[in-house]
């Protein structure tokens, strides 16, 4: 039996090395540019979150924390727009090639609460879910951005949800770091 050349261990090692390089980059004069670039790309395709570089930057220079958070928010927001556009492009290809249906039924049950909806309704008619998906839910922002483009979320709705969500995410992380320092790493 032939084995894949990219085993799970090699992928983990790659991402660990990449994260380590980002952390090391956080102490250089290029840290702000790296944060902006990682935040931008993370929102659309990159697998390493910008917090890998934001955390050491804030811990090293807490007096610049809100500047760093603002750069992260703006870059992530712009990356979200790229992700949204990518989702629209994918949607057009998937609809034609695979008959992708954004109206597929979704059913969630949590404790005594049940939600019956479609993917399109969940993202486009529920601003709270969109904001939560862009901020505190453990859903990668790129999935929300690309998914919103794929199902045709109204662009201004996505932009508002993404901006609020990314502000919440970066500000909460920054605030925790400022309040608890190194101890906040466990929470973040």
N, C-alpha and C. Protein backbone atom coordinates (compact mmCIF):
# COMPACT_ATOMS: atom_id res chain seq x y z
N UNK A 1 0.84 -1.17 0.00
CA UNK A 1 0.00 0.00 0.00
C UNK A 1 0.89 1.24 0.00
N UNK A 2 0.55 2.19 -0.84
CA UNK A 2 1.34 3.40 -0.98
C UNK A 2 0.89 4.45 0.03
N UNK A 3 1.84 5.10 0.69
CA UNK A 3 1.49 6.11 1.68
C UNK A 3 1.60 7.49 1.07
N UNK A 4 0.77 8.38 1.59
CA UNK A 4 0.79 9.77 1.15
C UNK A 4 2.10 10.42 1.56
N UNK A 5 2.60 11.31 0.70
CA UNK A 5 3.86 11.99 1.02
C UNK A 5 3.67 13.07 2.08
N UNK A 6 2.43 13.47 2.34
CA UNK A 6 2.17 14.45 3.39
C UNK A 6 1.36 13.81 4.50
N UNK A 7 2.07 13.19 5.40
CA UNK A 7 1.40 12.55 6.53
C UNK A 7 0.93 13.62 7.50
N UNK A 8 -0.01 13.27 8.40
CA UNK A 8 -0.49 14.23 9.39
C UNK A 8 0.64 14.80 10.24
N UNK A 9 1.65 13.99 10.56
CA UNK A 9 2.76 14.48 11.37
C UNK A 9 3.57 15.54 10.63
N UNK A 10 3.77 15.36 9.32
CA UNK A 10 4.49 16.36 8.54
C UNK A 10 3.71 17.67 8.48
N UNK A 11 2.38 17.58 8.37
CA UNK A 11 1.55 18.79 8.34
C UNK A 11 1.63 19.51 9.66
N UNK A 12 1.55 18.78 10.76
CA UNK A 12 1.64 19.38 12.09
C UNK A 12 3.00 20.04 12.27
N UNK A 13 4.06 19.37 11.85
CA UNK A 13 5.41 19.92 11.96
C UNK A 13 5.53 21.19 11.13
N UNK A 14 4.96 21.20 9.94
CA UNK A 14 5.00 22.39 9.08
C UNK A 14 4.32 23.57 9.77
N UNK A 15 3.11 23.35 10.30
CA UNK A 15 2.37 24.44 10.94
C UNK A 15 3.04 24.88 12.23
N UNK A 16 3.67 23.97 12.94
CA UNK A 16 4.40 24.32 14.16
C UNK A 16 5.60 25.19 13.80
N UNK A 17 6.34 24.81 12.78
CA UNK A 17 7.48 25.61 12.34
C UNK A 17 7.04 26.99 11.86
N UNK A 18 5.94 27.03 11.13
CA UNK A 18 5.41 28.29 10.63
C UNK A 18 4.99 29.19 11.78
N UNK A 19 4.31 28.64 12.76
CA UNK A 19 3.90 29.41 13.94
C UNK A 19 5.12 29.89 14.71
N UNK A 20 6.12 29.04 14.86
CA UNK A 20 7.36 29.44 15.55
C UNK A 20 8.05 30.59 14.82
N UNK A 21 8.05 30.55 13.49
CA UNK A 21 8.66 31.64 12.72
C UNK A 21 7.89 32.94 12.90
N UNK A 22 6.56 32.84 12.96
CA UNK A 22 5.75 34.04 13.18
C UNK A 22 6.01 34.64 14.56
N UNK A 23 6.12 33.78 15.56
CA UNK A 23 6.41 34.26 16.92
C UNK A 23 7.78 34.95 16.94
N UNK A 24 8.76 34.36 16.27
CA UNK A 24 10.10 34.97 16.21
C UNK A 24 10.04 36.31 15.45
N UNK A 25 9.24 36.36 14.43
CA UNK A 25 9.10 37.58 13.64
C UNK A 25 8.46 38.71 14.45
N UNK A 26 7.71 38.35 15.47
CA UNK A 26 7.02 39.35 16.30
C UNK A 26 7.98 40.29 17.01
N UNK A 27 9.23 39.89 17.18
CA UNK A 27 10.19 40.74 17.89
C UNK A 27 11.11 41.51 16.93
N UNK A 28 10.79 41.48 15.65
CA UNK A 28 11.62 42.20 14.68
C UNK A 28 10.94 43.51 14.27
N UNK A 29 11.65 44.31 13.53
CA UNK A 29 11.08 45.58 13.07
C UNK A 29 10.03 45.38 11.98
N UNK A 30 9.92 44.17 11.47
CA UNK A 30 8.93 43.86 10.44
C UNK A 30 7.64 43.29 11.02
N UNK A 31 7.52 43.27 12.33
CA UNK A 31 6.39 42.63 13.00
C UNK A 31 5.05 43.21 12.56
N UNK A 32 4.95 44.52 12.48
CA UNK A 32 3.67 45.15 12.10
C UNK A 32 3.28 44.74 10.69
N UNK A 33 4.25 44.71 9.78
CA UNK A 33 3.95 44.31 8.40
C UNK A 33 3.54 42.84 8.34
N UNK A 34 4.21 42.03 9.13
CA UNK A 34 3.87 40.60 9.17
C UNK A 34 2.47 40.40 9.74
N UNK A 35 2.15 41.14 10.81
CA UNK A 35 0.81 41.06 11.40
C UNK A 35 -0.25 41.43 10.36
N UNK A 36 -0.02 42.52 9.64
CA UNK A 36 -0.98 42.96 8.62
C UNK A 36 -1.13 41.91 7.53
N UNK A 37 -0.01 41.37 7.06
CA UNK A 37 -0.06 40.38 5.99
C UNK A 37 -0.73 39.08 6.45
N UNK A 38 -0.35 38.60 7.63
CA UNK A 38 -0.95 37.36 8.15
C UNK A 38 -2.44 37.55 8.39
N UNK A 39 -2.84 38.68 8.94
CA UNK A 39 -4.26 38.95 9.19
C UNK A 39 -5.04 38.99 7.89
N UNK A 40 -4.47 39.62 6.88
CA UNK A 40 -5.12 39.72 5.58
C UNK A 40 -5.30 38.35 4.95
N UNK A 41 -4.22 37.58 4.93
CA UNK A 41 -4.27 36.27 4.27
C UNK A 41 -5.06 35.26 5.09
N UNK A 42 -5.00 35.35 6.42
CA UNK A 42 -5.75 34.43 7.28
C UNK A 42 -7.24 34.50 7.01
N UNK A 43 -7.74 35.68 6.73
CA UNK A 43 -9.17 35.86 6.54
C UNK A 43 -9.67 35.23 5.25
N UNK A 44 -8.75 34.88 4.35
CA UNK A 44 -9.20 34.30 3.10
C UNK A 44 -8.67 32.90 2.84
N UNK A 45 -7.38 32.63 3.13
CA UNK A 45 -6.86 31.30 2.79
C UNK A 45 -5.84 30.74 3.77
N UNK A 46 -5.21 31.57 4.59
CA UNK A 46 -4.06 31.15 5.40
C UNK A 46 -4.48 30.31 6.61
N UNK A 47 -3.77 29.21 6.91
CA UNK A 47 -4.18 28.33 7.99
C UNK A 47 -3.66 28.71 9.38
N UNK A 48 -2.86 29.75 9.52
CA UNK A 48 -2.32 30.12 10.83
C UNK A 48 -2.95 31.45 11.25
N UNK A 49 -3.58 31.49 12.42
CA UNK A 49 -4.26 32.72 12.83
C UNK A 49 -3.28 33.84 13.16
N UNK A 50 -3.70 35.08 12.97
CA UNK A 50 -2.82 36.22 13.23
C UNK A 50 -2.46 36.36 14.71
N UNK A 51 -3.17 35.67 15.57
CA UNK A 51 -2.89 35.78 17.01
C UNK A 51 -1.55 35.15 17.37
N UNK A 52 -1.03 34.29 16.50
CA UNK A 52 0.30 33.71 16.73
C UNK A 52 1.36 34.79 16.72
N UNK A 53 1.12 35.87 16.00
CA UNK A 53 2.08 36.97 15.98
C UNK A 53 1.60 38.14 16.86
N UNK A 54 0.28 38.32 16.97
CA UNK A 54 -0.25 39.41 17.80
C UNK A 54 0.09 39.22 19.28
N UNK A 55 -0.03 38.02 19.78
CA UNK A 55 0.20 37.77 21.22
C UNK A 55 1.61 38.17 21.65
N UNK A 56 2.66 37.67 20.99
CA UNK A 56 3.99 38.10 21.44
C UNK A 56 4.25 39.59 21.23
N UNK A 57 3.62 40.18 20.21
CA UNK A 57 3.80 41.61 19.99
C UNK A 57 3.19 42.42 21.14
N UNK A 58 1.98 42.06 21.56
CA UNK A 58 1.32 42.77 22.65
C UNK A 58 2.06 42.55 23.96
N UNK A 59 2.50 41.32 24.20
CA UNK A 59 3.22 41.04 25.45
C UNK A 59 4.57 41.78 25.50
N UNK A 60 5.21 41.95 24.35
CA UNK A 60 6.51 42.63 24.32
C UNK A 60 6.36 44.15 24.43
N UNK A 61 5.30 44.68 23.85
CA UNK A 61 5.09 46.14 23.85
C UNK A 61 3.63 46.47 24.14
N UNK A 62 3.21 46.31 25.40
CA UNK A 62 1.81 46.55 25.75
C UNK A 62 1.33 47.97 25.44
N UNK A 63 2.22 48.93 25.45
CA UNK A 63 1.83 50.31 25.16
C UNK A 63 1.37 50.49 23.70
N UNK A 64 1.71 49.55 22.83
CA UNK A 64 1.27 49.58 21.43
C UNK A 64 0.14 48.59 21.14
N UNK A 65 -0.43 48.00 22.17
CA UNK A 65 -1.41 46.92 22.00
C UNK A 65 -2.59 47.31 21.11
N UNK A 66 -3.16 48.48 21.33
CA UNK A 66 -4.34 48.86 20.56
C UNK A 66 -3.99 49.22 19.12
N UNK A 67 -2.79 49.69 18.92
CA UNK A 67 -2.31 49.92 17.56
C UNK A 67 -2.23 48.59 16.82
N UNK A 68 -1.64 47.59 17.48
CA UNK A 68 -1.53 46.26 16.88
C UNK A 68 -2.91 45.67 16.61
N UNK A 69 -3.82 45.81 17.57
CA UNK A 69 -5.17 45.28 17.39
C UNK A 69 -5.86 45.96 16.20
N UNK A 70 -5.68 47.25 16.08
CA UNK A 70 -6.31 47.99 14.97
C UNK A 70 -5.77 47.53 13.62
N UNK A 71 -4.47 47.32 13.55
CA UNK A 71 -3.86 46.82 12.31
C UNK A 71 -4.42 45.43 11.99
N UNK A 72 -4.53 44.59 13.00
CA UNK A 72 -5.09 43.25 12.81
C UNK A 72 -6.53 43.30 12.33
N UNK A 73 -7.34 44.17 12.93
CA UNK A 73 -8.76 44.29 12.54
C UNK A 73 -8.87 44.74 11.09
N UNK A 74 -8.17 45.81 10.75
CA UNK A 74 -8.26 46.35 9.40
C UNK A 74 -7.78 45.34 8.36
N UNK A 75 -6.66 44.71 8.62
CA UNK A 75 -6.12 43.73 7.66
C UNK A 75 -7.02 42.51 7.56
N UNK A 76 -7.53 42.04 8.68
CA UNK A 76 -8.42 40.89 8.68
C UNK A 76 -9.72 41.22 7.94
N UNK A 77 -10.23 42.42 8.16
CA UNK A 77 -11.44 42.87 7.48
C UNK A 77 -11.23 42.88 5.96
N UNK A 78 -10.11 43.44 5.52
CA UNK A 78 -9.80 43.45 4.09
C UNK A 78 -9.64 42.04 3.54
N UNK A 79 -9.02 41.17 4.32
CA UNK A 79 -8.90 39.76 3.93
C UNK A 79 -10.26 39.09 3.84
N UNK A 80 -11.17 39.48 4.73
CA UNK A 80 -12.53 38.95 4.69
C UNK A 80 -13.24 39.31 3.39
N UNK A 81 -12.98 40.52 2.91
CA UNK A 81 -13.56 40.94 1.62
C UNK A 81 -13.01 40.06 0.51
N UNK A 82 -11.69 39.78 0.55
CA UNK A 82 -11.11 38.87 -0.45
C UNK A 82 -11.73 37.48 -0.35
N UNK A 83 -11.92 37.00 0.89
CA UNK A 83 -12.56 35.70 1.10
C UNK A 83 -13.98 35.68 0.55
N UNK A 84 -14.72 36.75 0.79
CA UNK A 84 -16.09 36.87 0.28
C UNK A 84 -16.10 36.78 -1.25
N UNK A 85 -15.19 37.54 -1.88
CA UNK A 85 -15.10 37.52 -3.34
C UNK A 85 -14.69 36.14 -3.86
N UNK A 86 -13.78 35.49 -3.14
CA UNK A 86 -13.38 34.12 -3.49
C UNK A 86 -14.59 33.19 -3.40
N UNK A 87 -15.39 33.35 -2.35
CA UNK A 87 -16.60 32.55 -2.19
C UNK A 87 -17.58 32.75 -3.33
N UNK A 88 -17.72 34.00 -3.78
CA UNK A 88 -18.60 34.26 -4.92
C UNK A 88 -18.08 33.56 -6.18
N UNK A 89 -16.77 33.63 -6.39
CA UNK A 89 -16.18 32.97 -7.56
C UNK A 89 -16.37 31.45 -7.48
N UNK A 90 -16.14 30.90 -6.29
CA UNK A 90 -16.33 29.46 -6.10
C UNK A 90 -17.78 29.08 -6.34
N UNK A 91 -18.68 29.90 -5.82
CA UNK A 91 -20.10 29.62 -5.97
C UNK A 91 -20.51 29.51 -7.43
N UNK A 92 -20.03 30.45 -8.22
CA UNK A 92 -20.39 30.41 -9.63
C UNK A 92 -19.87 29.14 -10.29
N UNK A 93 -18.66 28.73 -9.93
CA UNK A 93 -18.10 27.49 -10.48
C UNK A 93 -18.81 26.26 -9.94
N UNK A 94 -19.11 26.25 -8.62
CA UNK A 94 -19.78 25.08 -8.04
C UNK A 94 -21.22 24.94 -8.51
N UNK A 95 -21.91 26.06 -8.65
CA UNK A 95 -23.29 25.99 -9.11
C UNK A 95 -23.33 25.38 -10.50
N UNK A 96 -22.40 25.79 -11.34
CA UNK A 96 -22.38 25.27 -12.70
C UNK A 96 -21.85 23.83 -12.75
N UNK A 97 -20.82 23.53 -11.99
CA UNK A 97 -20.19 22.21 -12.08
C UNK A 97 -20.87 21.15 -11.23
N UNK A 98 -21.28 21.50 -10.01
CA UNK A 98 -21.77 20.48 -9.08
C UNK A 98 -23.20 20.71 -8.59
N UNK A 99 -23.87 21.68 -9.15
CA UNK A 99 -25.23 22.00 -8.70
C UNK A 99 -25.26 22.26 -7.19
N UNK A 100 -24.32 23.07 -6.71
CA UNK A 100 -24.26 23.47 -5.31
C UNK A 100 -25.55 24.19 -4.93
N UNK A 101 -26.16 23.79 -3.82
CA UNK A 101 -27.42 24.39 -3.37
C UNK A 101 -27.24 25.04 -2.00
N UNK A 102 -27.18 26.36 -1.94
CA UNK A 102 -27.04 27.04 -0.65
C UNK A 102 -28.30 26.98 0.19
N UNK A 103 -29.36 26.41 -0.37
CA UNK A 103 -30.61 26.28 0.37
C UNK A 103 -30.76 24.89 0.99
N UNK A 104 -29.64 24.19 1.13
CA UNK A 104 -29.66 22.87 1.75
C UNK A 104 -30.13 23.02 3.20
N UNK A 105 -30.98 22.11 3.64
CA UNK A 105 -31.55 22.19 4.99
C UNK A 105 -30.50 21.88 6.05
N UNK A 106 -30.50 22.68 7.11
CA UNK A 106 -29.62 22.47 8.27
C UNK A 106 -30.50 22.33 9.50
N UNK A 107 -30.12 21.40 10.36
CA UNK A 107 -30.87 21.18 11.59
C UNK A 107 -29.89 21.12 12.76
N UNK A 108 -30.07 22.01 13.73
CA UNK A 108 -29.23 22.05 14.93
C UNK A 108 -30.10 21.82 16.15
N UNK A 109 -29.57 21.09 17.09
CA UNK A 109 -30.27 20.91 18.35
C UNK A 109 -29.26 21.11 19.47
N UNK A 110 -29.57 22.02 20.38
CA UNK A 110 -28.73 22.29 21.53
C UNK A 110 -29.64 22.37 22.74
N UNK A 111 -29.44 21.43 23.66
CA UNK A 111 -30.31 21.30 24.83
C UNK A 111 -31.75 21.21 24.36
N UNK A 112 -32.60 22.14 24.71
CA UNK A 112 -34.00 22.06 24.28
C UNK A 112 -34.28 22.97 23.08
N UNK A 113 -33.24 23.59 22.53
CA UNK A 113 -33.41 24.50 21.41
C UNK A 113 -33.16 23.77 20.10
N UNK A 114 -34.02 24.04 19.13
CA UNK A 114 -33.85 23.46 17.80
C UNK A 114 -33.86 24.58 16.78
N UNK A 115 -32.97 24.46 15.81
CA UNK A 115 -32.91 25.43 14.73
C UNK A 115 -33.03 24.67 13.41
N UNK A 116 -34.02 25.03 12.64
CA UNK A 116 -34.19 24.48 11.30
C UNK A 116 -34.04 25.64 10.33
N UNK A 117 -33.04 25.57 9.48
CA UNK A 117 -32.74 26.67 8.58
C UNK A 117 -32.01 26.13 7.36
N UNK A 118 -31.55 27.02 6.53
CA UNK A 118 -30.68 26.66 5.42
C UNK A 118 -29.37 27.41 5.61
N UNK A 119 -28.37 26.99 4.88
CA UNK A 119 -27.07 27.65 4.96
C UNK A 119 -27.20 29.12 4.57
N UNK A 120 -27.95 29.39 3.51
CA UNK A 120 -28.15 30.78 3.06
C UNK A 120 -28.85 31.61 4.14
N UNK A 121 -29.92 31.07 4.74
CA UNK A 121 -30.64 31.81 5.78
C UNK A 121 -29.77 32.03 7.01
N UNK A 122 -29.01 31.02 7.39
CA UNK A 122 -28.18 31.12 8.58
C UNK A 122 -27.19 32.27 8.47
N UNK A 123 -26.56 32.41 7.31
CA UNK A 123 -25.57 33.47 7.13
C UNK A 123 -26.17 34.81 6.73
N UNK A 124 -27.22 34.81 5.94
CA UNK A 124 -27.71 36.08 5.40
C UNK A 124 -28.85 36.70 6.20
N UNK A 125 -29.59 35.92 6.96
CA UNK A 125 -30.74 36.47 7.67
C UNK A 125 -30.55 36.50 9.18
N UNK A 126 -29.36 36.20 9.62
CA UNK A 126 -29.11 36.14 11.06
C UNK A 126 -27.82 36.89 11.36
N UNK A 127 -27.94 38.21 11.53
CA UNK A 127 -26.77 39.05 11.76
C UNK A 127 -26.02 38.61 13.01
N UNK A 128 -26.73 38.20 14.05
CA UNK A 128 -26.06 37.77 15.28
C UNK A 128 -25.15 36.57 15.01
N UNK A 129 -25.63 35.58 14.26
CA UNK A 129 -24.79 34.43 13.94
C UNK A 129 -23.59 34.85 13.10
N UNK A 130 -23.81 35.76 12.17
CA UNK A 130 -22.71 36.23 11.33
C UNK A 130 -21.65 36.92 12.19
N UNK A 131 -22.08 37.77 13.13
CA UNK A 131 -21.13 38.44 14.02
C UNK A 131 -20.42 37.43 14.91
N UNK A 132 -21.15 36.49 15.48
CA UNK A 132 -20.53 35.46 16.33
C UNK A 132 -19.55 34.60 15.53
N UNK A 133 -19.92 34.26 14.31
CA UNK A 133 -19.03 33.47 13.46
C UNK A 133 -17.75 34.21 13.11
N UNK A 134 -17.84 35.52 13.03
CA UNK A 134 -16.66 36.34 12.71
C UNK A 134 -15.87 36.70 13.96
N UNK A 135 -16.37 36.35 15.13
CA UNK A 135 -15.67 36.79 16.35
C UNK A 135 -15.36 35.64 17.30
N UNK A 136 -16.32 35.22 18.12
CA UNK A 136 -15.99 34.33 19.23
C UNK A 136 -16.23 32.85 18.99
N UNK A 137 -17.00 32.49 17.99
CA UNK A 137 -17.17 31.07 17.71
C UNK A 137 -15.85 30.50 17.19
N UNK A 138 -15.59 29.23 17.45
CA UNK A 138 -14.31 28.66 17.01
C UNK A 138 -14.29 28.33 15.51
N UNK A 139 -15.09 29.03 14.76
CA UNK A 139 -15.14 28.85 13.32
C UNK A 139 -14.08 29.75 12.68
N UNK A 140 -13.22 29.20 11.84
CA UNK A 140 -12.24 30.07 11.18
C UNK A 140 -12.96 31.15 10.36
N UNK A 141 -12.48 32.38 10.48
CA UNK A 141 -13.11 33.51 9.80
C UNK A 141 -13.15 33.29 8.29
N UNK A 142 -12.13 32.65 7.75
CA UNK A 142 -12.10 32.41 6.31
C UNK A 142 -13.30 31.58 5.86
N UNK A 143 -13.78 30.65 6.70
CA UNK A 143 -14.95 29.84 6.33
C UNK A 143 -16.21 30.69 6.29
N UNK A 144 -16.34 31.61 7.25
CA UNK A 144 -17.49 32.51 7.26
C UNK A 144 -17.44 33.44 6.05
N UNK A 145 -16.25 33.99 5.77
CA UNK A 145 -16.10 34.92 4.65
C UNK A 145 -16.38 34.23 3.32
N UNK A 146 -15.73 33.10 3.09
CA UNK A 146 -15.93 32.38 1.84
C UNK A 146 -17.36 31.86 1.74
N UNK A 147 -17.87 31.32 2.85
CA UNK A 147 -19.25 30.82 2.87
C UNK A 147 -20.26 31.92 2.60
N UNK A 148 -20.04 33.10 3.13
CA UNK A 148 -20.95 34.22 2.89
C UNK A 148 -20.97 34.59 1.41
N UNK A 149 -19.80 34.58 0.79
CA UNK A 149 -19.75 34.85 -0.65
C UNK A 149 -20.42 33.74 -1.46
N UNK A 150 -20.24 32.51 -1.01
CA UNK A 150 -20.81 31.37 -1.73
C UNK A 150 -22.33 31.38 -1.72
N UNK A 151 -22.93 31.73 -0.58
CA UNK A 151 -24.39 31.67 -0.47
C UNK A 151 -25.05 32.99 -0.82
N UNK A 152 -24.24 34.01 -1.14
CA UNK A 152 -24.80 35.26 -1.60
C UNK A 152 -25.32 36.17 -0.50
N UNK A 153 -24.63 36.19 0.64
CA UNK A 153 -25.00 37.14 1.69
C UNK A 153 -24.86 38.54 1.11
N UNK A 154 -25.82 39.39 1.38
CA UNK A 154 -25.79 40.78 0.92
C UNK A 154 -24.49 41.40 1.40
N UNK A 155 -23.70 41.97 0.49
CA UNK A 155 -22.36 42.46 0.83
C UNK A 155 -22.35 43.44 2.01
N UNK A 156 -23.22 44.45 2.05
CA UNK A 156 -23.19 45.34 3.23
C UNK A 156 -23.47 44.60 4.55
N UNK A 157 -24.32 43.60 4.52
CA UNK A 157 -24.59 42.79 5.72
C UNK A 157 -23.33 42.07 6.15
N UNK A 158 -22.63 41.46 5.19
CA UNK A 158 -21.38 40.78 5.52
C UNK A 158 -20.35 41.76 6.06
N UNK A 159 -20.22 42.92 5.43
CA UNK A 159 -19.23 43.91 5.85
C UNK A 159 -19.48 44.38 7.28
N UNK A 160 -20.73 44.64 7.62
CA UNK A 160 -21.06 45.07 8.99
C UNK A 160 -20.77 43.96 9.98
N UNK A 161 -21.24 42.75 9.68
CA UNK A 161 -21.00 41.61 10.57
C UNK A 161 -19.52 41.32 10.74
N UNK A 162 -18.77 41.37 9.64
CA UNK A 162 -17.33 41.09 9.69
C UNK A 162 -16.60 42.16 10.50
N UNK A 163 -16.94 43.42 10.28
CA UNK A 163 -16.26 44.49 11.00
C UNK A 163 -16.52 44.40 12.50
N UNK A 164 -17.77 44.21 12.88
CA UNK A 164 -18.10 44.08 14.30
C UNK A 164 -17.42 42.85 14.88
N UNK A 165 -17.52 41.73 14.18
CA UNK A 165 -16.94 40.47 14.67
C UNK A 165 -15.43 40.53 14.82
N UNK A 166 -14.75 41.07 13.82
CA UNK A 166 -13.28 41.14 13.91
C UNK A 166 -12.84 42.12 14.98
N UNK A 167 -13.56 43.23 15.13
CA UNK A 167 -13.24 44.16 16.22
C UNK A 167 -13.37 43.46 17.57
N UNK A 168 -14.47 42.73 17.73
CA UNK A 168 -14.66 41.99 18.99
C UNK A 168 -13.53 41.02 19.23
N UNK A 169 -13.18 40.24 18.22
CA UNK A 169 -12.17 39.20 18.37
C UNK A 169 -10.81 39.80 18.75
N UNK A 170 -10.35 40.75 17.98
CA UNK A 170 -9.03 41.33 18.25
C UNK A 170 -9.03 42.12 19.55
N UNK A 171 -10.11 42.81 19.84
CA UNK A 171 -10.15 43.61 21.08
C UNK A 171 -10.24 42.72 22.32
N UNK A 172 -10.99 41.64 22.25
CA UNK A 172 -11.07 40.73 23.40
C UNK A 172 -9.71 40.10 23.67
N UNK A 173 -9.05 39.62 22.62
CA UNK A 173 -7.72 39.02 22.78
C UNK A 173 -6.74 40.04 23.35
N UNK A 174 -6.75 41.24 22.80
CA UNK A 174 -5.83 42.28 23.27
C UNK A 174 -6.13 42.65 24.72
N UNK A 175 -7.40 42.81 25.06
CA UNK A 175 -7.77 43.15 26.42
C UNK A 175 -7.34 42.07 27.41
N UNK A 176 -7.56 40.81 27.05
CA UNK A 176 -7.12 39.70 27.93
C UNK A 176 -5.60 39.73 28.12
N UNK A 177 -4.88 39.99 27.06
CA UNK A 177 -3.41 40.05 27.16
C UNK A 177 -2.97 41.21 28.05
N UNK A 178 -3.64 42.34 27.93
CA UNK A 178 -3.28 43.49 28.76
C UNK A 178 -3.63 43.26 30.23
N UNK A 179 -4.74 42.59 30.45
CA UNK A 179 -5.18 42.36 31.83
C UNK A 179 -4.39 41.26 32.53
N UNK A 180 -4.11 40.17 31.81
CA UNK A 180 -3.53 39.00 32.44
C UNK A 180 -2.11 38.66 31.96
N UNK A 181 -1.59 39.37 31.00
CA UNK A 181 -0.24 39.13 30.53
C UNK A 181 -0.03 37.71 30.02
N UNK A 182 1.07 37.12 30.42
CA UNK A 182 1.42 35.75 29.97
C UNK A 182 0.33 34.74 30.34
N UNK A 183 -0.36 34.96 31.45
CA UNK A 183 -1.41 34.04 31.87
C UNK A 183 -2.58 33.98 30.90
N UNK A 184 -2.76 35.02 30.09
CA UNK A 184 -3.85 35.05 29.12
C UNK A 184 -3.65 34.10 27.96
N UNK A 185 -2.41 33.67 27.74
CA UNK A 185 -2.13 32.74 26.64
C UNK A 185 -2.98 31.48 26.74
N UNK A 186 -3.25 31.04 27.97
CA UNK A 186 -4.05 29.83 28.17
C UNK A 186 -5.49 30.04 27.67
N UNK A 187 -6.04 31.24 27.89
CA UNK A 187 -7.39 31.53 27.48
C UNK A 187 -7.50 31.77 25.98
N UNK A 188 -6.48 32.44 25.46
CA UNK A 188 -6.49 32.82 24.05
C UNK A 188 -6.18 31.61 23.20
